[in-house]
Amino acid sequence: MPLQSVASRKPTLLSRVVRWVIFRLYRWKGWKLDGGLPDLKKFVIAGAPHTSNWDFVFFAGATQELGIQPNFMGKHTLFQGIMRNFMLDMGGIPIDRTRRGNVVEQIAAEFGQRDELALVIAAEGSRTTNGEWKSGFYHIAQAAGVPVVPAWVNNETMVLGFGPPIMPTGDYAADLAKIAAYMRSKLPDYERFKALEAQAVRLKEEGDA
């Protein structure tokens, strides 16, 4: 479906109900914001830690409070039949891994086609990680020519926040070190962010070797 027809179509009832429920859950749980999103049209939100399936729900609630439509990547088969409009209305971007061109190229093309896009990525990749980040978020931002906005969650205090945008320079180790420094400034004793910092140091040493 062309982007213009998606934008002009009225959102499905189900998507409106789900958004309402998400925002009410976010408010009911008492989540608070520490730092807002930048005044930009396009960026990648790299969120961590990814410790619960509820992470995206609360990020969605926070972005809704800030007036931002969060987008996410999903397997293209989820965008078929009666689920298609719902997934699109929720901010989903279908990714076809069988199509020519990899995920980075597909998402970079999506950034190029849209006037606004705030792509949320769980930078750790999975909930079982030790805290090291996958590089997919960075390659997407670099290919699309958009900044990375680090985002953190503290499930104990129910606070989440967004950091300053970081434009990819092509030096992944150096840029990851900037992100790690910001994350540790918010949760200095958090073990996963210590692992992230150590990852950035290791990558730099490997690059210098």
C-alpha atoms as a PDB file:
ATOM      1  CA  MET A   1       0.000   0.000   0.000  1.00  0.00           C
ATOM      2  CA  PRO A   2       1.490   3.401  -0.951  1.00  0.00           C
ATOM      3  CA  LEU A   3       2.559   5.639   1.937  1.00  0.00           C
ATOM      4  CA  GLN A   4       0.123   8.335   0.870  1.00  0.00           C
ATOM      5  CA  SER A   5      -2.880   6.004   1.160  1.00  0.00           C
ATOM      6  CA  VAL A   6      -1.695   4.765   4.561  1.00  0.00           C
ATOM      7  CA  ALA A   7      -1.416   8.322   5.835  1.00  0.00           C
ATOM      8  CA  SER A   8      -4.837   9.348   4.509  1.00  0.00           C
ATOM      9  CA  ARG A   9      -6.689   6.256   5.726  1.00  0.00           C
ATOM     10  CA  LYS A  10      -8.439   6.451   9.078  1.00  0.00           C
ATOM     11  CA  PRO A  11      -6.638   4.276  11.664  1.00  0.00           C
ATOM     12  CA  THR A  12      -8.355   1.003  12.477  1.00  0.00           C
ATOM     13  CA  LEU A  13     -10.540   0.781  15.566  1.00  0.00           C
ATOM     14  CA  LEU A  14      -8.282  -1.925  16.987  1.00  0.00           C
ATOM     15  CA  SER A  15      -5.163   0.229  16.673  1.00  0.00           C
ATOM     16  CA  ARG A  16      -6.913   3.157  18.363  1.00  0.00           C
ATOM     17  CA  VAL A  17      -8.053   0.922  21.230  1.00  0.00           C
ATOM     18  CA  VAL A  18      -4.579  -0.601  21.642  1.00  0.00           C
ATOM     19  CA  ARG A  19      -2.948   2.833  21.693  1.00  0.00           C
ATOM     20  CA  TRP A  20      -5.437   3.984  24.319  1.00  0.00           C
ATOM     21  CA  VAL A  21      -4.731   0.910  26.459  1.00  0.00           C
ATOM     22  CA  ILE A  22      -0.951   1.327  26.112  1.00  0.00           C
ATOM     23  CA  PHE A  23      -1.077   4.952  27.216  1.00  0.00           C
ATOM     24  CA  ARG A  24      -3.371   4.163  30.128  1.00  0.00           C
ATOM     25  CA  LEU A  25      -1.016   1.364  31.259  1.00  0.00           C
ATOM     26  CA  TYR A  26       1.933   3.731  30.993  1.00  0.00           C
ATOM     27  CA  ARG A  27       0.149   6.335  33.117  1.00  0.00           C
ATOM     28  CA  TRP A  28      -1.302   3.787  35.563  1.00  0.00           C
ATOM     29  CA  LYS A  29       2.123   2.287  36.239  1.00  0.00           C
ATOM     30  CA  GLY A  30       3.389   5.747  37.092  1.00  0.00           C
ATOM     31  CA  TRP A  31       6.203   5.946  34.557  1.00  0.00           C
ATOM     32  CA  LYS A  32       8.051   9.248  34.348  1.00  0.00           C
ATOM     33  CA  LEU A  33      10.194  10.852  31.672  1.00  0.00           C
ATOM     34  CA  ASP A  34      13.752  12.102  32.067  1.00  0.00           C
ATOM     35  CA  GLY A  35      14.693  14.022  28.956  1.00  0.00           C
ATOM     36  CA  GLY A  36      12.613  14.490  25.848  1.00  0.00           C
ATOM     37  CA  LEU A  37      13.126  13.575  22.230  1.00  0.00           C
ATOM     38  CA  PRO A  38      15.015  15.920  19.896  1.00  0.00           C
ATOM     39  CA  ASP A  39      13.154  18.258  17.589  1.00  0.00           C
ATOM     40  CA  LEU A  40      13.977  16.152  14.544  1.00  0.00           C
ATOM     41  CA  LYS A  41      11.876  14.498  11.852  1.00  0.00           C
ATOM     42  CA  LYS A  42      13.924  11.314  11.456  1.00  0.00           C
ATOM     43  CA  PHE A  43      16.080   9.353  13.889  1.00  0.00           C
ATOM     44  CA  VAL A  44      16.788   5.926  15.312  1.00  0.00           C
ATOM     45  CA  ILE A  45      15.919   5.351  18.962  1.00  0.00           C
ATOM     46  CA  ALA A  46      18.377   2.790  20.372  1.00  0.00           C
ATOM     47  CA  GLY A  47      16.811   1.535  23.591  1.00  0.00           C
ATOM     48  CA  ALA A  48      18.296  -0.484  26.446  1.00  0.00           C
ATOM     49  CA  PRO A  49      18.176  -2.519  28.553  1.00  0.00           C
ATOM     50  CA  HIS A  50      15.843  -5.018  26.917  1.00  0.00           C
ATOM     51  CA  THR A  51      14.796  -7.125  29.894  1.00  0.00           C
ATOM     52  CA  SER A  52      11.050  -7.468  29.414  1.00  0.00           C
ATOM     53  CA  ASN A  53       8.403  -7.776  26.713  1.00  0.00           C
ATOM     54  CA  TRP A  54       6.847  -4.705  28.319  1.00  0.00           C
ATOM     55  CA  ASP A  55       9.770  -2.498  27.262  1.00  0.00           C
ATOM     56  CA  PHE A  56       8.213  -1.513  23.946  1.00  0.00           C
ATOM     57  CA  VAL A  57       4.857  -0.838  25.617  1.00  0.00           C
ATOM     58  CA  PHE A  58       6.356   1.725  27.960  1.00  0.00           C
ATOM     59  CA  PHE A  59       8.503   3.256  25.212  1.00  0.00           C
ATOM     60  CA  ALA A  60       5.339   3.540  23.124  1.00  0.00           C
ATOM     61  CA  GLY A  61       3.561   5.233  26.026  1.00  0.00           C
ATOM     62  CA  ALA A  62       6.432   7.673  26.497  1.00  0.00           C
ATOM     63  CA  THR A  63       6.616   8.599  22.827  1.00  0.00           C
ATOM     64  CA  GLN A  64       2.845   9.017  22.766  1.00  0.00           C
ATOM     65  CA  GLU A  65       3.125  11.424  25.687  1.00  0.00           C
ATOM     66  CA  LEU A  66       5.728  13.347  23.675  1.00  0.00           C
ATOM     67  CA  GLY A  67       3.525  13.357  20.599  1.00  0.00           C
ATOM     68  CA  ILE A  68       5.749  11.022  18.560  1.00  0.00           C
ATOM     69  CA  GLN A  69       4.601   8.030  16.503  1.00  0.00           C
ATOM     70  CA  PRO A  70       7.157   5.265  17.183  1.00  0.00           C
ATOM     71  CA  ASN A  71       7.957   2.862  14.380  1.00  0.00           C
ATOM     72  CA  PHE A  72       9.282  -0.672  14.573  1.00  0.00           C
ATOM     73  CA  MET A  73      10.413  -3.406  12.200  1.00  0.00           C
ATOM     74  CA  GLY A  74       8.382  -6.562  11.773  1.00  0.00           C
ATOM     75  CA  LYS A  75       8.480  -9.694   9.668  1.00  0.00           C
ATOM     76  CA  HIS A  76       6.563  -9.037   6.457  1.00  0.00           C
ATOM     77  CA  THR A  77       4.272 -12.032   7.013  1.00  0.00           C
ATOM     78  CA  LEU A  78       2.747 -10.199   9.993  1.00  0.00           C
ATOM     79  CA  PHE A  79       1.445  -7.536   7.605  1.00  0.00           C
ATOM     80  CA  GLN A  80      -0.918  -9.770   5.696  1.00  0.00           C
ATOM     81  CA  GLY A  81      -4.689 -10.099   5.614  1.00  0.00           C
ATOM     82  CA  ILE A  82      -6.742  -8.440   8.320  1.00  0.00           C
ATOM     83  CA  MET A  83      -3.586  -7.642  10.348  1.00  0.00           C
ATOM     84  CA  ARG A  84      -1.998  -5.456   7.678  1.00  0.00           C
ATOM     85  CA  ASN A  85      -3.742  -2.169   8.442  1.00  0.00           C
ATOM     86  CA  PHE A  86      -3.456  -2.718  12.191  1.00  0.00           C
ATOM     87  CA  MET A  87       0.303  -3.327  12.016  1.00  0.00           C
ATOM     88  CA  LEU A  88       0.832  -0.296   9.793  1.00  0.00           C
ATOM     89  CA  ASP A  89      -1.283   1.900  12.076  1.00  0.00           C
ATOM     90  CA  MET A  90       0.786   0.792  15.071  1.00  0.00           C
ATOM     91  CA  GLY A  91       3.933   1.999  13.321  1.00  0.00           C
ATOM     92  CA  GLY A  92       5.117  -1.297  11.910  1.00  0.00           C
ATOM     93  CA  ILE A  93       7.479  -1.446   8.954  1.00  0.00           C
ATOM     94  CA  PRO A  94       7.409  -4.783   7.108  1.00  0.00           C
ATOM     95  CA  ILE A  95      10.805  -6.380   6.478  1.00  0.00           C
ATOM     96  CA  ASP A  96      11.095  -9.097   3.853  1.00  0.00           C
ATOM     97  CA  ARG A  97      14.261 -11.089   4.476  1.00  0.00           C
ATOM     98  CA  THR A  98      13.677 -13.071   1.283  1.00  0.00           C
ATOM     99  CA  ARG A  99      13.733  -9.948  -0.871  1.00  0.00           C
ATOM    100  CA  ARG A 100      16.846  -8.714  -2.604  1.00  0.00           C
ATOM    101  CA  GLY A 101      18.610  -6.216  -0.376  1.00  0.00           C
ATOM    102  CA  ASN A 102      19.277  -6.617   3.326  1.00  0.00           C
ATOM    103  CA  VAL A 103      17.436  -5.166   6.309  1.00  0.00           C
ATOM    104  CA  VAL A 104      19.680  -2.100   6.489  1.00  0.00           C
ATOM    105  CA  GLU A 105      18.989  -1.230   2.851  1.00  0.00           C
ATOM    106  CA  GLN A 106      15.238  -1.765   3.235  1.00  0.00           C
ATOM    107  CA  ILE A 107      14.970   0.486   6.285  1.00  0.00           C
ATOM    108  CA  ALA A 108      17.283   3.127   4.807  1.00  0.00           C
ATOM    109  CA  ALA A 109      14.981   3.229   1.780  1.00  0.00           C
ATOM    110  CA  GLU A 110      11.994   3.641   4.123  1.00  0.00           C
ATOM    111  CA  PHE A 111      13.687   6.620   5.778  1.00  0.00           C
ATOM    112  CA  GLY A 112      14.208   8.121   2.343  1.00  0.00           C
ATOM    113  CA  GLN A 113      10.536   7.759   1.415  1.00  0.00           C
ATOM    114  CA  ARG A 114       9.080   9.271   4.568  1.00  0.00           C
ATOM    115  CA  ASP A 115       8.959  12.818   5.898  1.00  0.00           C
ATOM    116  CA  GLU A 116       9.023  11.587   9.504  1.00  0.00           C
ATOM    117  CA  LEU A 117      10.267   8.342  11.028  1.00  0.00           C
ATOM    118  CA  ALA A 118      11.275   7.530  14.607  1.00  0.00           C
ATOM    119  CA  LEU A 119      12.489   3.935  14.487  1.00  0.00           C
ATOM    120  CA  VAL A 120      12.685   2.127  17.839  1.00  0.00           C
ATOM    121  CA  ILE A 121      15.275  -0.662  18.061  1.00  0.00           C
ATOM    122  CA  ALA A 122      16.172  -2.828  21.058  1.00  0.00           C
ATOM    123  CA  ALA A 123      19.905  -2.301  20.637  1.00  0.00           C
ATOM    124  CA  GLU A 124      20.886  -5.313  22.752  1.00  0.00           C
ATOM    125  CA  GLY A 125      18.990  -7.614  20.411  1.00  0.00           C
ATOM    126  CA  SER A 126      17.681 -10.028  23.030  1.00  0.00           C
ATOM    127  CA  ARG A 127      16.785 -10.131  26.711  1.00  0.00           C
ATOM    128  CA  THR A 128      19.499 -12.718  27.465  1.00  0.00           C
ATOM    129  CA  THR A 129      22.441 -10.551  26.433  1.00  0.00           C
ATOM    130  CA  ASN A 130      25.100  -9.487  28.939  1.00  0.00           C
ATOM    131  CA  GLY A 131      24.611  -5.893  27.848  1.00  0.00           C
ATOM    132  CA  GLU A 132      26.629  -5.711  24.654  1.00  0.00           C
ATOM    133  CA  TRP A 133      24.852  -4.077  21.728  1.00  0.00           C
ATOM    134  CA  LYS A 134      24.301  -5.384  18.228  1.00  0.00           C
ATOM    135  CA  SER A 135      25.485  -2.992  15.522  1.00  0.00           C
ATOM    136  CA  GLY A 136      22.324  -3.092  13.386  1.00  0.00           C
ATOM    137  CA  PHE A 137      20.905   0.147  14.822  1.00  0.00           C
ATOM    138  CA  TYR A 138      24.131   1.956  13.944  1.00  0.00           C
ATOM    139  CA  HIS A 139      24.352   0.671  10.375  1.00  0.00           C
ATOM    140  CA  ILE A 140      20.719   1.635   9.775  1.00  0.00           C
ATOM    141  CA  ALA A 141      21.267   5.178  11.077  1.00  0.00           C
ATOM    142  CA  GLN A 142      24.467   5.556   9.079  1.00  0.00           C
ATOM    143  CA  ALA A 143      22.906   4.283   5.847  1.00  0.00           C
ATOM    144  CA  ALA A 144      19.846   6.517   6.313  1.00  0.00           C
ATOM    145  CA  GLY A 145      21.912   9.548   7.297  1.00  0.00           C
ATOM    146  CA  VAL A 146      20.014  10.075  10.543  1.00  0.00           C
ATOM    147  CA  PRO A 147      21.148  10.397  14.186  1.00  0.00           C
ATOM    148  CA  VAL A 148      20.937   7.811  16.932  1.00  0.00           C
ATOM    149  CA  VAL A 149      19.010   8.804  20.064  1.00  0.00           C
ATOM    150  CA  PRO A 150      20.014   6.633  23.043  1.00  0.00           C
ATOM    151  CA  ALA A 151      17.125   5.674  25.308  1.00  0.00           C
ATOM    152  CA  TRP A 152      17.290   4.005  28.701  1.00  0.00           C
ATOM    153  CA  VAL A 153      14.847   2.363  31.078  1.00  0.00           C
ATOM    154  CA  ASN A 154      15.019   1.966  34.830  1.00  0.00           C
ATOM    155  CA  ASN A 155      12.374  -0.601  35.747  1.00  0.00           C
ATOM    156  CA  GLU A 156      13.008  -0.182  39.485  1.00  0.00           C
ATOM    157  CA  THR A 157      12.236   3.535  39.588  1.00  0.00           C
ATOM    158  CA  MET A 158       9.913   3.438  36.545  1.00  0.00           C
ATOM    159  CA  VAL A 159      11.800   6.212  34.813  1.00  0.00           C
ATOM    160  CA  LEU A 160      12.841   6.249  31.188  1.00  0.00           C
ATOM    161  CA  GLY A 161      14.678   8.864  29.254  1.00  0.00           C
ATOM    162  CA  PHE A 162      16.100   9.926  25.925  1.00  0.00           C
ATOM    163  CA  GLY A 163      19.594  11.263  25.389  1.00  0.00           C
ATOM    164  CA  PRO A 164      21.069  13.739  22.926  1.00  0.00           C
ATOM    165  CA  PRO A 165      21.201  12.707  19.256  1.00  0.00           C
ATOM    166  CA  ILE A 166      24.499  11.246  18.080  1.00  0.00           C
ATOM    167  CA  MET A 167      25.242  11.391  14.365  1.00  0.00           C
ATOM    168  CA  PRO A 168      27.151   8.322  13.148  1.00  0.00           C
ATOM    169  CA  THR A 169      30.697   9.244  12.130  1.00  0.00           C
ATOM    170  CA  GLY A 170      31.632   5.861  10.701  1.00  0.00           C
ATOM    171  CA  ASP A 171      33.794   5.119  13.747  1.00  0.00           C
ATOM    172  CA  TYR A 172      31.509   2.643  15.505  1.00  0.00           C
ATOM    173  CA  ALA A 173      33.786   2.152  18.517  1.00  0.00           C
ATOM    174  CA  ALA A 174      34.049   5.896  19.189  1.00  0.00           C
ATOM    175  CA  ASP A 175      30.337   6.518  18.725  1.00  0.00           C
ATOM    176  CA  LEU A 176      29.445   3.525  20.887  1.00  0.00           C
ATOM    177  CA  ALA A 177      31.732   4.938  23.585  1.00  0.00           C
ATOM    178  CA  LYS A 178      29.744   8.195  23.511  1.00  0.00           C
ATOM    179  CA  ILE A 179      26.497   6.273  23.885  1.00  0.00           C
ATOM    180  CA  ALA A 180      27.927   4.125  26.690  1.00  0.00           C
ATOM    181  CA  ALA A 181      29.122   7.221  28.543  1.00  0.00           C
ATOM    182  CA  TYR A 182      25.629   8.697  28.396  1.00  0.00           C
ATOM    183  CA  MET A 183      23.965   5.469  29.520  1.00  0.00           C
ATOM    184  CA  ARG A 184      26.355   5.100  32.445  1.00  0.00           C
ATOM    185  CA  SER A 185      25.746   8.715  33.465  1.00  0.00           C
ATOM    186  CA  LYS A 186      22.118   7.733  34.005  1.00  0.00           C
ATOM    187  CA  LEU A 187      22.662   4.307  35.608  1.00  0.00           C
ATOM    188  CA  PRO A 188      26.328   4.235  36.691  1.00  0.00           C
ATOM    189  CA  ASP A 189      26.094   0.997  38.665  1.00  0.00           C
ATOM    190  CA  TYR A 190      24.059  -0.953  36.135  1.00  0.00           C
ATOM    191  CA  GLU A 191      26.034  -4.020  35.064  1.00  0.00           C
ATOM    192  CA  ARG A 192      24.727  -4.122  31.499  1.00  0.00           C
ATOM    193  CA  PHE A 193      25.866  -0.580  30.841  1.00  0.00           C
ATOM    194  CA  LYS A 194      29.275  -1.442  32.263  1.00  0.00           C
ATOM    195  CA  ALA A 195      29.401  -4.265  29.715  1.00  0.00           C
ATOM    196  CA  LEU A 196      28.443  -1.806  26.985  1.00  0.00           C
ATOM    197  CA  GLU A 197      31.277   0.489  27.999  1.00  0.00           C
ATOM    198  CA  ALA A 198      33.704  -2.433  28.016  1.00  0.00           C
ATOM    199  CA  GLN A 199      32.489  -3.435  24.546  1.00  0.00           C
ATOM    200  CA  ALA A 200      33.276   0.043  23.203  1.00  0.00           C
ATOM    201  CA  VAL A 201      36.779  -0.109  24.735  1.00  0.00           C
ATOM    202  CA  ARG A 202      37.395  -3.567  23.274  1.00  0.00           C
ATOM    203  CA  LEU A 203      36.254  -2.493  19.810  1.00  0.00           C
ATOM    204  CA  LYS A 204      38.593   0.487  19.919  1.00  0.00           C
ATOM    205  CA  GLU A 205      41.530  -1.703  20.974  1.00  0.00           C
ATOM    206  CA  GLU A 206      40.754  -4.173  18.186  1.00  0.00           C
ATOM    207  CA  GLY A 207      40.620  -1.310  15.692  1.00  0.00           C
ATOM    208  CA  ASP A 208      43.922   0.099  16.898  1.00  0.00           C
ATOM    209  CA  ALA A 209      45.632  -3.310  16.796  1.00  0.00           C
END
